[in-house]
Amino acid sequence: MPPRIKICGITREEDAIAAARLGVDAIGLVFYARSPRHVSIETARRLVRVLPPFVSVVALFVDPSREEVESVLAGLAVDVLQFHGDEPPEFCRSFHRPYLKAVRVRPGVDLAAYAERYADARGLLADAFVEGSHGGTGTTFDWALLPGQLPLPLILSGGLDEHNVSEAVRRIRPAAVDVSSGVEAGKGIKDTARMAAFITGVRHA
């Protein structure tokens, strides 16, 4: 089975529509104010309204307060939460929603232990470590740092684009891939041709 595909950092209705028509499994909406891809709840509602059935909505947070998460959940139909900061597992699971936990990969990070700590997550999202950043940097990491087996499904992120995603899928065989800057014309502005090429690369790997 080919990996599931999530396109993150959607900010425009036309990009959400294009991603859905191209066959993505999920879109990511960023609720982190310091991100150039941040969306308000009002904008997020408009984006969700244009999606067809069976495209999942993932809400991304970085070290949010409980009130921030609850506000999004109260105002938006969200399928999965994604935590991209240093949130403890108790916090992540406390919303009683499926969640993903991101880890920024670098030498010395024990991914197996990390996955065990977040054992009830739906998946572990492996991203590149960039000082002061929490994703969307377009930076890859050394895939050799990934263990052969993990107790959670692996979602591969970090610098993926239409040029390297086929190799990544063949080498890592992740459960899913997640892309943001790798399919953009500018920060938060997706490029339909690049999205199409990325999805083709995943499916033909």
N, C-alpha and C. Protein backbone atom coordinates (compact mmCIF):
# COMPACT_ATOMS: atom_id res chain seq x y z
N MET A 1 0.85 -1.19 0.00
CA MET A 1 0.00 0.00 0.00
C MET A 1 0.88 1.24 0.00
N PRO A 2 0.64 2.19 -0.91
CA PRO A 2 1.46 3.41 -0.92
C PRO A 2 1.21 4.23 0.34
N PRO A 3 2.17 5.05 0.71
CA PRO A 3 1.98 5.88 1.91
C PRO A 3 0.83 6.86 1.75
N ARG A 4 0.20 7.18 2.86
CA ARG A 4 -0.78 8.25 2.88
C ARG A 4 -0.05 9.57 2.66
N ILE A 5 -0.78 10.56 2.15
CA ILE A 5 -0.16 11.84 1.80
C ILE A 5 -0.89 12.98 2.50
N LYS A 6 -0.11 13.78 3.20
CA LYS A 6 -0.66 14.99 3.83
C LYS A 6 0.09 16.20 3.29
N ILE A 7 -0.67 17.21 2.89
CA ILE A 7 -0.08 18.49 2.51
C ILE A 7 -0.40 19.49 3.61
N CYS A 8 0.63 20.02 4.21
CA CYS A 8 0.47 20.87 5.39
C CYS A 8 0.65 22.34 5.03
N GLY A 9 0.14 23.20 5.90
CA GLY A 9 0.31 24.63 5.70
C GLY A 9 -0.58 25.20 4.63
N ILE A 10 -1.75 24.61 4.44
CA ILE A 10 -2.72 25.15 3.47
C ILE A 10 -3.29 26.46 4.04
N THR A 11 -3.32 27.50 3.21
CA THR A 11 -3.85 28.79 3.66
C THR A 11 -4.91 29.36 2.72
N ARG A 12 -5.07 28.76 1.52
CA ARG A 12 -5.99 29.31 0.53
C ARG A 12 -6.99 28.25 0.08
N GLU A 13 -8.22 28.69 -0.19
CA GLU A 13 -9.25 27.76 -0.61
C GLU A 13 -8.86 27.06 -1.91
N GLU A 14 -8.29 27.79 -2.85
CA GLU A 14 -7.95 27.17 -4.13
C GLU A 14 -6.89 26.08 -3.97
N ASP A 15 -6.02 26.23 -2.98
CA ASP A 15 -5.01 25.20 -2.74
C ASP A 15 -5.63 23.97 -2.09
N ALA A 16 -6.59 24.19 -1.18
CA ALA A 16 -7.28 23.06 -0.56
C ALA A 16 -8.05 22.27 -1.61
N ILE A 17 -8.73 22.98 -2.51
CA ILE A 17 -9.48 22.32 -3.58
C ILE A 17 -8.55 21.53 -4.49
N ALA A 18 -7.43 22.15 -4.88
CA ALA A 18 -6.48 21.48 -5.77
C ALA A 18 -5.90 20.24 -5.11
N ALA A 19 -5.52 20.35 -3.85
CA ALA A 19 -4.95 19.20 -3.14
C ALA A 19 -5.95 18.05 -3.09
N ALA A 20 -7.21 18.37 -2.79
CA ALA A 20 -8.23 17.33 -2.73
C ALA A 20 -8.44 16.68 -4.09
N ARG A 21 -8.49 17.49 -5.13
CA ARG A 21 -8.69 16.94 -6.48
C ARG A 21 -7.53 16.05 -6.90
N LEU A 22 -6.35 16.35 -6.42
CA LEU A 22 -5.17 15.54 -6.74
C LEU A 22 -5.12 14.25 -5.93
N GLY A 23 -5.96 14.15 -4.91
CA GLY A 23 -6.07 12.89 -4.18
C GLY A 23 -5.33 12.79 -2.87
N VAL A 24 -5.04 13.92 -2.22
CA VAL A 24 -4.37 13.82 -0.92
C VAL A 24 -5.30 13.19 0.11
N ASP A 25 -4.71 12.60 1.12
CA ASP A 25 -5.49 11.99 2.20
C ASP A 25 -5.83 12.98 3.30
N ALA A 26 -4.98 14.00 3.46
CA ALA A 26 -5.19 14.96 4.56
C ALA A 26 -4.56 16.28 4.20
N ILE A 27 -5.12 17.34 4.80
CA ILE A 27 -4.48 18.64 4.75
C ILE A 27 -4.16 19.08 6.17
N GLY A 28 -3.12 19.86 6.32
CA GLY A 28 -2.73 20.38 7.62
C GLY A 28 -2.99 21.87 7.72
N LEU A 29 -3.62 22.28 8.82
CA LEU A 29 -3.87 23.69 9.09
C LEU A 29 -3.05 24.09 10.31
N VAL A 30 -2.29 25.16 10.17
CA VAL A 30 -1.32 25.55 11.19
C VAL A 30 -1.93 26.61 12.11
N PHE A 31 -1.99 26.27 13.40
CA PHE A 31 -2.48 27.20 14.42
C PHE A 31 -1.34 27.60 15.35
N TYR A 32 -0.27 28.05 14.74
CA TYR A 32 0.93 28.50 15.45
C TYR A 32 1.22 29.90 14.96
N ALA A 33 1.02 30.89 15.81
CA ALA A 33 1.02 32.28 15.37
C ALA A 33 2.33 32.73 14.75
N ARG A 34 3.45 32.10 15.12
CA ARG A 34 4.75 32.53 14.59
C ARG A 34 5.04 31.93 13.22
N SER A 35 4.18 31.06 12.73
CA SER A 35 4.41 30.46 11.41
C SER A 35 3.86 31.35 10.31
N PRO A 36 4.56 31.46 9.18
CA PRO A 36 4.02 32.22 8.03
C PRO A 36 2.81 31.52 7.41
N ARG A 37 2.55 30.29 7.82
CA ARG A 37 1.41 29.53 7.29
C ARG A 37 0.25 29.49 8.29
N HIS A 38 0.34 30.31 9.32
CA HIS A 38 -0.71 30.35 10.34
C HIS A 38 -2.05 30.77 9.73
N VAL A 39 -3.13 30.11 10.18
CA VAL A 39 -4.47 30.50 9.76
C VAL A 39 -5.33 30.76 11.00
N SER A 40 -6.27 31.65 10.86
CA SER A 40 -7.26 31.89 11.92
C SER A 40 -8.33 30.82 11.85
N ILE A 41 -9.13 30.75 12.89
CA ILE A 41 -10.24 29.79 12.87
C ILE A 41 -11.22 30.14 11.76
N GLU A 42 -11.43 31.42 11.51
CA GLU A 42 -12.35 31.84 10.44
C GLU A 42 -11.85 31.35 9.08
N THR A 43 -10.56 31.55 8.82
CA THR A 43 -9.99 31.07 7.56
C THR A 43 -10.06 29.56 7.48
N ALA A 44 -9.74 28.90 8.59
CA ALA A 44 -9.77 27.43 8.62
C ALA A 44 -11.16 26.90 8.29
N ARG A 45 -12.19 27.55 8.79
CA ARG A 45 -13.56 27.12 8.49
C ARG A 45 -13.82 27.17 6.98
N ARG A 46 -13.36 28.24 6.34
CA ARG A 46 -13.57 28.36 4.89
C ARG A 46 -12.83 27.26 4.14
N LEU A 47 -11.64 26.94 4.61
CA LEU A 47 -10.86 25.89 3.96
C LEU A 47 -11.52 24.52 4.11
N VAL A 48 -12.03 24.25 5.30
CA VAL A 48 -12.67 22.96 5.55
C VAL A 48 -13.95 22.83 4.72
N ARG A 49 -14.67 23.93 4.56
CA ARG A 49 -15.95 23.88 3.82
C ARG A 49 -15.77 23.46 2.37
N VAL A 50 -14.62 23.73 1.77
CA VAL A 50 -14.45 23.40 0.35
C VAL A 50 -13.92 21.98 0.14
N LEU A 51 -13.63 21.27 1.21
CA LEU A 51 -13.10 19.92 1.07
C LEU A 51 -14.21 18.91 0.81
N PRO A 52 -13.94 17.92 -0.03
CA PRO A 52 -14.91 16.84 -0.23
C PRO A 52 -14.86 15.86 0.95
N PRO A 53 -15.78 14.92 1.01
CA PRO A 53 -15.72 13.91 2.07
C PRO A 53 -14.42 13.09 1.99
N PHE A 54 -14.02 12.60 3.16
CA PHE A 54 -12.89 11.67 3.30
C PHE A 54 -11.51 12.29 3.11
N VAL A 55 -11.43 13.61 3.11
CA VAL A 55 -10.13 14.27 3.24
C VAL A 55 -10.02 14.74 4.69
N SER A 56 -9.06 14.20 5.41
CA SER A 56 -8.93 14.49 6.84
C SER A 56 -8.35 15.88 7.07
N VAL A 57 -8.78 16.48 8.17
CA VAL A 57 -8.28 17.79 8.57
C VAL A 57 -7.41 17.62 9.81
N VAL A 58 -6.16 18.04 9.70
CA VAL A 58 -5.20 17.93 10.79
C VAL A 58 -4.88 19.34 11.29
N ALA A 59 -5.05 19.56 12.58
CA ALA A 59 -4.76 20.86 13.19
C ALA A 59 -3.42 20.80 13.89
N LEU A 60 -2.51 21.66 13.47
CA LEU A 60 -1.13 21.64 13.99
C LEU A 60 -0.92 22.73 15.03
N PHE A 61 -0.31 22.33 16.15
CA PHE A 61 0.00 23.25 17.24
C PHE A 61 1.46 23.10 17.65
N VAL A 62 2.00 24.18 18.22
CA VAL A 62 3.34 24.15 18.80
C VAL A 62 3.24 24.71 20.22
N ASP A 63 3.39 23.83 21.20
CA ASP A 63 3.33 24.21 22.62
C ASP A 63 2.15 25.13 22.92
N PRO A 64 0.94 24.71 22.56
CA PRO A 64 -0.22 25.57 22.78
C PRO A 64 -0.69 25.51 24.23
N SER A 65 -1.49 26.47 24.61
CA SER A 65 -2.22 26.38 25.87
C SER A 65 -3.42 25.47 25.65
N ARG A 66 -3.99 24.97 26.74
CA ARG A 66 -5.19 24.17 26.62
C ARG A 66 -6.31 24.97 25.96
N GLU A 67 -6.40 26.24 26.30
CA GLU A 67 -7.46 27.08 25.75
C GLU A 67 -7.34 27.23 24.24
N GLU A 68 -6.11 27.32 23.73
CA GLU A 68 -5.91 27.44 22.28
C GLU A 68 -6.46 26.22 21.55
N VAL A 69 -6.12 25.04 22.06
CA VAL A 69 -6.59 23.81 21.41
C VAL A 69 -8.10 23.70 21.51
N GLU A 70 -8.63 23.96 22.68
CA GLU A 70 -10.08 23.84 22.88
C GLU A 70 -10.84 24.83 22.01
N SER A 71 -10.28 26.02 21.80
CA SER A 71 -10.92 27.01 20.95
C SER A 71 -11.02 26.52 19.51
N VAL A 72 -9.95 25.90 19.02
CA VAL A 72 -9.97 25.36 17.66
C VAL A 72 -10.96 24.21 17.56
N LEU A 73 -10.96 23.32 18.54
CA LEU A 73 -11.87 22.18 18.51
C LEU A 73 -13.33 22.62 18.59
N ALA A 74 -13.58 23.70 19.31
CA ALA A 74 -14.95 24.19 19.44
C ALA A 74 -15.43 24.87 18.16
N GLY A 75 -14.50 25.41 17.38
CA GLY A 75 -14.89 26.20 16.21
C GLY A 75 -14.70 25.52 14.88
N LEU A 76 -14.16 24.29 14.88
CA LEU A 76 -13.76 23.68 13.61
C LEU A 76 -13.89 22.16 13.70
N ALA A 77 -14.30 21.55 12.59
CA ALA A 77 -14.35 20.09 12.51
C ALA A 77 -12.93 19.56 12.24
N VAL A 78 -12.30 19.05 13.28
CA VAL A 78 -10.92 18.57 13.21
C VAL A 78 -10.91 17.05 13.38
N ASP A 79 -10.15 16.36 12.52
CA ASP A 79 -10.05 14.91 12.62
C ASP A 79 -8.88 14.46 13.48
N VAL A 80 -7.76 15.16 13.37
CA VAL A 80 -6.53 14.76 14.05
C VAL A 80 -5.81 15.99 14.56
N LEU A 81 -5.24 15.89 15.75
CA LEU A 81 -4.38 16.94 16.30
C LEU A 81 -2.93 16.57 16.02
N GLN A 82 -2.10 17.56 15.73
CA GLN A 82 -0.66 17.34 15.53
C GLN A 82 0.09 18.28 16.44
N PHE A 83 0.91 17.71 17.31
CA PHE A 83 1.68 18.50 18.27
C PHE A 83 3.14 18.52 17.85
N HIS A 84 3.66 19.73 17.66
CA HIS A 84 4.98 19.91 17.05
C HIS A 84 6.00 20.51 18.01
N GLY A 85 5.65 20.61 19.28
CA GLY A 85 6.57 21.21 20.23
C GLY A 85 7.04 20.21 21.27
N ASP A 86 7.08 20.67 22.52
CA ASP A 86 7.54 19.81 23.62
C ASP A 86 6.37 19.37 24.50
N GLU A 87 5.21 19.22 23.91
CA GLU A 87 4.03 18.84 24.67
C GLU A 87 4.20 17.45 25.28
N PRO A 88 3.93 17.28 26.57
CA PRO A 88 4.02 15.95 27.18
C PRO A 88 2.87 15.06 26.72
N PRO A 89 3.04 13.76 26.79
CA PRO A 89 1.98 12.87 26.31
C PRO A 89 0.67 13.06 27.05
N GLU A 90 0.74 13.40 28.33
CA GLU A 90 -0.50 13.60 29.09
C GLU A 90 -1.33 14.73 28.50
N PHE A 91 -0.66 15.78 28.06
CA PHE A 91 -1.35 16.90 27.43
C PHE A 91 -1.95 16.48 26.09
N CYS A 92 -1.15 15.79 25.27
CA CYS A 92 -1.60 15.41 23.93
C CYS A 92 -2.85 14.55 23.98
N ARG A 93 -2.89 13.62 24.91
CA ARG A 93 -4.01 12.69 24.96
C ARG A 93 -5.23 13.24 25.69
N SER A 94 -5.06 14.37 26.37
CA SER A 94 -6.13 14.87 27.23
C SER A 94 -7.33 15.41 26.48
N PHE A 95 -7.19 15.63 25.16
CA PHE A 95 -8.30 16.16 24.37
C PHE A 95 -9.19 15.06 23.80
N HIS A 96 -8.78 13.81 24.02
CA HIS A 96 -9.57 12.65 23.60
C HIS A 96 -9.84 12.68 22.10
N ARG A 97 -8.82 13.06 21.37
CA ARG A 97 -8.86 13.05 19.92
C ARG A 97 -7.63 12.30 19.41
N PRO A 98 -7.71 11.69 18.23
CA PRO A 98 -6.50 11.11 17.64
C PRO A 98 -5.44 12.20 17.49
N TYR A 99 -4.18 11.83 17.79
CA TYR A 99 -3.13 12.83 17.66
C TYR A 99 -1.86 12.24 17.08
N LEU A 100 -1.06 13.12 16.46
CA LEU A 100 0.27 12.80 15.96
C LEU A 100 1.27 13.58 16.79
N LYS A 101 2.43 12.99 17.03
CA LYS A 101 3.48 13.70 17.75
C LYS A 101 4.69 13.83 16.85
N ALA A 102 5.13 15.06 16.65
CA ALA A 102 6.31 15.33 15.82
C ALA A 102 7.56 15.28 16.68
N VAL A 103 8.64 14.80 16.07
CA VAL A 103 9.95 14.82 16.71
C VAL A 103 10.95 15.35 15.70
N ARG A 104 11.79 16.27 16.14
CA ARG A 104 12.82 16.84 15.26
C ARG A 104 14.07 15.96 15.38
N VAL A 105 14.41 15.32 14.29
CA VAL A 105 15.43 14.27 14.30
C VAL A 105 16.83 14.87 14.23
N ARG A 106 17.69 14.40 15.10
CA ARG A 106 19.12 14.73 15.07
C ARG A 106 19.86 13.64 15.82
N PRO A 107 21.19 13.54 15.65
CA PRO A 107 21.94 12.52 16.37
C PRO A 107 21.71 12.63 17.88
N GLY A 108 21.51 11.48 18.50
CA GLY A 108 21.31 11.44 19.94
C GLY A 108 19.85 11.34 20.36
N VAL A 109 18.93 11.61 19.44
CA VAL A 109 17.50 11.47 19.77
C VAL A 109 17.11 10.00 19.60
N ASP A 110 16.60 9.41 20.67
CA ASP A 110 16.19 8.01 20.66
C ASP A 110 14.74 7.94 20.20
N LEU A 111 14.54 7.68 18.92
CA LEU A 111 13.21 7.70 18.36
C LEU A 111 12.33 6.57 18.90
N ALA A 112 12.93 5.41 19.16
CA ALA A 112 12.16 4.30 19.69
C ALA A 112 11.62 4.65 21.08
N ALA A 113 12.47 5.23 21.92
CA ALA A 113 12.03 5.64 23.26
C ALA A 113 10.98 6.75 23.17
N TYR A 114 11.16 7.65 22.23
CA TYR A 114 10.21 8.74 22.03
C TYR A 114 8.85 8.17 21.64
N ALA A 115 8.85 7.20 20.73
CA ALA A 115 7.60 6.58 20.29
C ALA A 115 6.92 5.84 21.43
N GLU A 116 7.70 5.19 22.27
CA GLU A 116 7.12 4.49 23.42
C GLU A 116 6.49 5.47 24.40
N ARG A 117 7.11 6.63 24.55
CA ARG A 117 6.57 7.64 25.47
C ARG A 117 5.20 8.13 24.99
N TYR A 118 5.03 8.22 23.67
CA TYR A 118 3.77 8.67 23.09
C TYR A 118 3.04 7.47 22.46
N ALA A 119 2.93 6.42 23.23
CA ALA A 119 2.46 5.14 22.70
C ALA A 119 1.04 5.18 22.17
N ASP A 120 0.22 6.11 22.65
CA ASP A 120 -1.16 6.16 22.18
C ASP A 120 -1.35 7.13 21.00
N ALA A 121 -0.26 7.71 20.50
CA ALA A 121 -0.36 8.56 19.30
C ALA A 121 -0.69 7.69 18.09
N ARG A 122 -1.31 8.31 17.09
CA ARG A 122 -1.61 7.59 15.85
C ARG A 122 -0.37 7.42 14.98
N GLY A 123 0.64 8.24 15.23
CA GLY A 123 1.85 8.13 14.46
C GLY A 123 2.91 9.08 14.98
N LEU A 124 4.16 8.78 14.63
CA LEU A 124 5.29 9.64 14.99
C LEU A 124 5.76 10.32 13.72
N LEU A 125 5.75 11.66 13.73
CA LEU A 125 6.14 12.43 12.56
C LEU A 125 7.60 12.86 12.71
N ALA A 126 8.45 12.35 11.83
CA ALA A 126 9.88 12.64 11.88
C ALA A 126 10.19 13.84 10.99
N ASP A 127 10.68 14.92 11.60
CA ASP A 127 10.98 16.15 10.88
C ASP A 127 12.44 16.50 11.12
N ALA A 128 12.94 17.45 10.34
CA ALA A 128 14.33 17.89 10.49
C ALA A 128 14.47 18.81 11.69
N PHE A 129 15.61 18.71 12.37
CA PHE A 129 15.91 19.65 13.46
C PHE A 129 16.57 20.89 12.86
N VAL A 130 15.91 22.03 13.07
CA VAL A 130 16.47 23.33 12.69
C VAL A 130 16.30 24.22 13.91
N GLU A 131 17.39 24.72 14.43
CA GLU A 131 17.35 25.53 15.65
C GLU A 131 16.35 26.68 15.52
N GLY A 132 15.44 26.77 16.49
CA GLY A 132 14.49 27.87 16.52
C GLY A 132 13.30 27.71 15.60
N SER A 133 13.19 26.56 14.93
CA SER A 133 12.09 26.36 13.99
C SER A 133 11.33 25.09 14.33
N HIS A 134 10.07 25.04 13.91
CA HIS A 134 9.23 23.89 14.17
C HIS A 134 8.55 23.43 12.89
N GLY A 135 9.35 23.08 11.89
CA GLY A 135 8.80 22.55 10.65
C GLY A 135 8.65 23.60 9.57
N GLY A 136 8.41 23.09 8.35
CA GLY A 136 8.21 23.98 7.21
C GLY A 136 9.45 24.69 6.74
N THR A 137 10.64 24.11 7.05
CA THR A 137 11.89 24.78 6.69
C THR A 137 12.44 24.33 5.34
N GLY A 138 11.94 23.22 4.81
CA GLY A 138 12.49 22.70 3.57
C GLY A 138 13.81 21.99 3.76
N THR A 139 14.14 21.66 5.01
CA THR A 139 15.42 21.02 5.33
C THR A 139 15.23 19.52 5.52
N THR A 140 16.09 18.74 4.88
CA THR A 140 16.05 17.30 5.09
C THR A 140 16.95 16.92 6.26
N PHE A 141 16.81 15.68 6.71
CA PHE A 141 17.72 15.16 7.73
C PHE A 141 18.26 13.82 7.24
N ASP A 142 19.23 13.30 7.96
CA ASP A 142 19.86 12.05 7.58
C ASP A 142 18.90 10.90 7.87
N TRP A 143 18.35 10.30 6.82
CA TRP A 143 17.38 9.22 7.00
C TRP A 143 17.99 8.00 7.68
N ALA A 144 19.32 7.90 7.68
CA ALA A 144 19.97 6.79 8.36
C ALA A 144 19.76 6.85 9.87
N LEU A 145 19.33 8.00 10.39
CA LEU A 145 19.05 8.13 11.82
C LEU A 145 17.75 7.45 12.21
N LEU A 146 16.94 7.08 11.24
CA LEU A 146 15.67 6.43 11.54
C LEU A 146 15.90 4.95 11.80
N PRO A 147 15.36 4.42 12.90
CA PRO A 147 15.52 2.99 13.18
C PRO A 147 14.72 2.15 12.20
N GLY A 148 15.11 0.90 12.06
CA GLY A 148 14.42 0.01 11.13
C GLY A 148 12.99 -0.27 11.52
N GLN A 149 12.74 -0.28 12.83
CA GLN A 149 11.39 -0.54 13.31
C GLN A 149 11.05 0.43 14.43
N LEU A 150 9.80 0.84 14.46
CA LEU A 150 9.29 1.70 15.52
C LEU A 150 7.96 1.13 16.02
N PRO A 151 7.63 1.36 17.28
CA PRO A 151 6.34 0.87 17.79
C PRO A 151 5.15 1.70 17.33
N LEU A 152 5.38 2.77 16.56
CA LEU A 152 4.31 3.59 16.01
C LEU A 152 4.50 3.72 14.50
N PRO A 153 3.41 3.94 13.75
CA PRO A 153 3.57 4.25 12.33
C PRO A 153 4.42 5.51 12.15
N LEU A 154 5.30 5.47 11.15
CA LEU A 154 6.20 6.60 10.88
C LEU A 154 5.63 7.48 9.78
N ILE A 155 5.57 8.77 10.06
CA ILE A 155 5.20 9.77 9.07
C ILE A 155 6.47 10.54 8.75
N LEU A 156 6.91 10.48 7.52
CA LEU A 156 8.18 11.11 7.12
C LEU A 156 7.92 12.52 6.63
N SER A 157 8.67 13.47 7.18
CA SER A 157 8.58 14.87 6.80
C SER A 157 9.99 15.42 6.71
N GLY A 158 10.10 16.71 6.50
CA GLY A 158 11.42 17.35 6.51
C GLY A 158 12.07 17.41 5.15
N GLY A 159 11.84 18.48 4.41
CA GLY A 159 12.55 18.71 3.16
C GLY A 159 12.13 17.82 2.00
N LEU A 160 10.99 17.17 2.11
CA LEU A 160 10.53 16.36 0.99
C LEU A 160 10.01 17.25 -0.13
N ASP A 161 10.24 16.82 -1.36
CA ASP A 161 9.69 17.51 -2.52
C ASP A 161 9.55 16.51 -3.66
N GLU A 162 9.18 17.01 -4.84
CA GLU A 162 8.95 16.12 -5.96
C GLU A 162 10.22 15.42 -6.44
N HIS A 163 11.37 15.94 -6.06
CA HIS A 163 12.64 15.38 -6.53
C HIS A 163 13.15 14.24 -5.65
N ASN A 164 12.80 14.23 -4.38
CA ASN A 164 13.38 13.22 -3.48
C ASN A 164 12.35 12.30 -2.84
N VAL A 165 11.07 12.54 -3.04
CA VAL A 165 10.08 11.76 -2.30
C VAL A 165 10.03 10.31 -2.75
N SER A 166 10.26 10.03 -4.02
CA SER A 166 10.25 8.63 -4.47
C SER A 166 11.36 7.84 -3.79
N GLU A 167 12.55 8.43 -3.74
CA GLU A 167 13.67 7.75 -3.06
C GLU A 167 13.36 7.57 -1.59
N ALA A 168 12.79 8.58 -0.97
CA ALA A 168 12.45 8.49 0.45
C ALA A 168 11.48 7.35 0.72
N VAL A 169 10.46 7.24 -0.11
CA VAL A 169 9.47 6.18 0.07
C VAL A 169 10.10 4.81 -0.12
N ARG A 170 10.94 4.68 -1.14
CA ARG A 170 11.58 3.39 -1.38
C ARG A 170 12.52 3.00 -0.24
N ARG A 171 13.25 3.95 0.28
CA ARG A 171 14.24 3.65 1.33
C ARG A 171 13.60 3.45 2.70
N ILE A 172 12.67 4.32 3.06
CA ILE A 172 12.14 4.34 4.42
C ILE A 172 10.85 3.54 4.56
N ARG A 173 10.07 3.48 3.51
CA ARG A 173 8.76 2.83 3.53
C ARG A 173 7.89 3.34 4.69
N PRO A 174 7.68 4.64 4.74
CA PRO A 174 6.89 5.21 5.82
C PRO A 174 5.40 4.90 5.64
N ALA A 175 4.66 5.04 6.72
CA ALA A 175 3.21 4.88 6.64
C ALA A 175 2.58 6.06 5.92
N ALA A 176 3.23 7.22 6.03
CA ALA A 176 2.70 8.43 5.40
C ALA A 176 3.85 9.40 5.16
N VAL A 177 3.61 10.35 4.27
CA VAL A 177 4.56 11.44 4.03
C VAL A 177 3.82 12.76 4.22
N ASP A 178 4.57 13.76 4.65
CA ASP A 178 4.00 15.07 4.98
C ASP A 178 4.87 16.13 4.33
N VAL A 179 4.26 17.02 3.56
CA VAL A 179 5.03 18.04 2.85
C VAL A 179 4.37 19.39 3.03
N SER A 180 5.20 20.43 3.09
CA SER A 180 4.69 21.80 3.16
C SER A 180 5.46 22.67 2.18
N SER A 181 6.67 23.09 2.56
CA SER A 181 7.42 24.00 1.70
C SER A 181 7.82 23.36 0.38
N GLY A 182 7.92 22.04 0.34
CA GLY A 182 8.35 21.34 -0.87
C GLY A 182 7.38 21.40 -2.02
N VAL A 183 6.16 21.91 -1.77
CA VAL A 183 5.18 22.04 -2.86
C VAL A 183 4.67 23.48 -2.96
N GLU A 184 5.53 24.42 -2.58
CA GLU A 184 5.10 25.82 -2.53
C GLU A 184 5.74 26.69 -3.61
N ALA A 185 4.98 27.72 -3.99
CA ALA A 185 5.52 28.81 -4.80
C ALA A 185 6.03 29.93 -3.90
N GLY A 186 5.52 29.99 -2.69
CA GLY A 186 5.91 30.96 -1.67
C GLY A 186 5.34 30.46 -0.35
N LYS A 187 5.75 31.04 0.75
CA LYS A 187 5.32 30.52 2.05
C LYS A 187 3.79 30.58 2.18
N GLY A 188 3.20 29.40 2.33
CA GLY A 188 1.76 29.30 2.46
C GLY A 188 1.01 29.31 1.14
N ILE A 189 1.72 29.47 0.03
CA ILE A 189 1.10 29.49 -1.30
C ILE A 189 1.52 28.23 -2.04
N LYS A 190 0.59 27.30 -2.18
CA LYS A 190 0.93 26.03 -2.81
C LYS A 190 0.94 26.15 -4.33
N ASP A 191 1.78 25.33 -4.94
CA ASP A 191 1.93 25.27 -6.39
C ASP A 191 1.27 23.97 -6.85
N THR A 192 0.22 24.09 -7.64
CA THR A 192 -0.54 22.90 -8.03
C THR A 192 0.31 21.90 -8.80
N ALA A 193 1.16 22.39 -9.69
CA ALA A 193 2.02 21.49 -10.47
C ALA A 193 2.98 20.74 -9.56
N ARG A 194 3.52 21.41 -8.56
CA ARG A 194 4.44 20.75 -7.63
C ARG A 194 3.69 19.74 -6.76
N MET A 195 2.48 20.08 -6.35
CA MET A 195 1.68 19.11 -5.59
C MET A 195 1.43 17.87 -6.43
N ALA A 196 1.07 18.06 -7.68
CA ALA A 196 0.79 16.93 -8.57
C ALA A 196 2.03 16.06 -8.75
N ALA A 197 3.18 16.70 -8.96
CA ALA A 197 4.43 15.96 -9.15
C ALA A 197 4.81 15.20 -7.89
N PHE A 198 4.58 15.81 -6.73
CA PHE A 198 4.89 15.16 -5.46
C PHE A 198 4.03 13.91 -5.28
N ILE A 199 2.74 14.04 -5.52
CA ILE A 199 1.84 12.91 -5.35
C ILE A 199 2.17 11.79 -6.35
N THR A 200 2.51 12.16 -7.57
CA THR A 200 2.94 11.16 -8.55
C THR A 200 4.19 10.44 -8.08
N GLY A 201 5.13 11.19 -7.50
CA GLY A 201 6.35 10.60 -6.99
C GLY A 201 6.11 9.60 -5.89
N VAL A 202 5.15 9.89 -5.03
CA VAL A 202 4.81 8.95 -3.95
C VAL A 202 4.19 7.68 -4.52
N ARG A 203 3.25 7.85 -5.41
CA ARG A 203 2.50 6.70 -5.93
C ARG A 203 3.32 5.80 -6.85
N HIS A 204 4.33 6.38 -7.48
CA HIS A 204 5.13 5.60 -8.41
C HIS A 204 6.45 5.13 -7.80
N ALA A 205 6.63 5.38 -6.52
CA ALA A 205 7.90 4.97 -5.87
C ALA A 205 8.05 3.44 -5.88
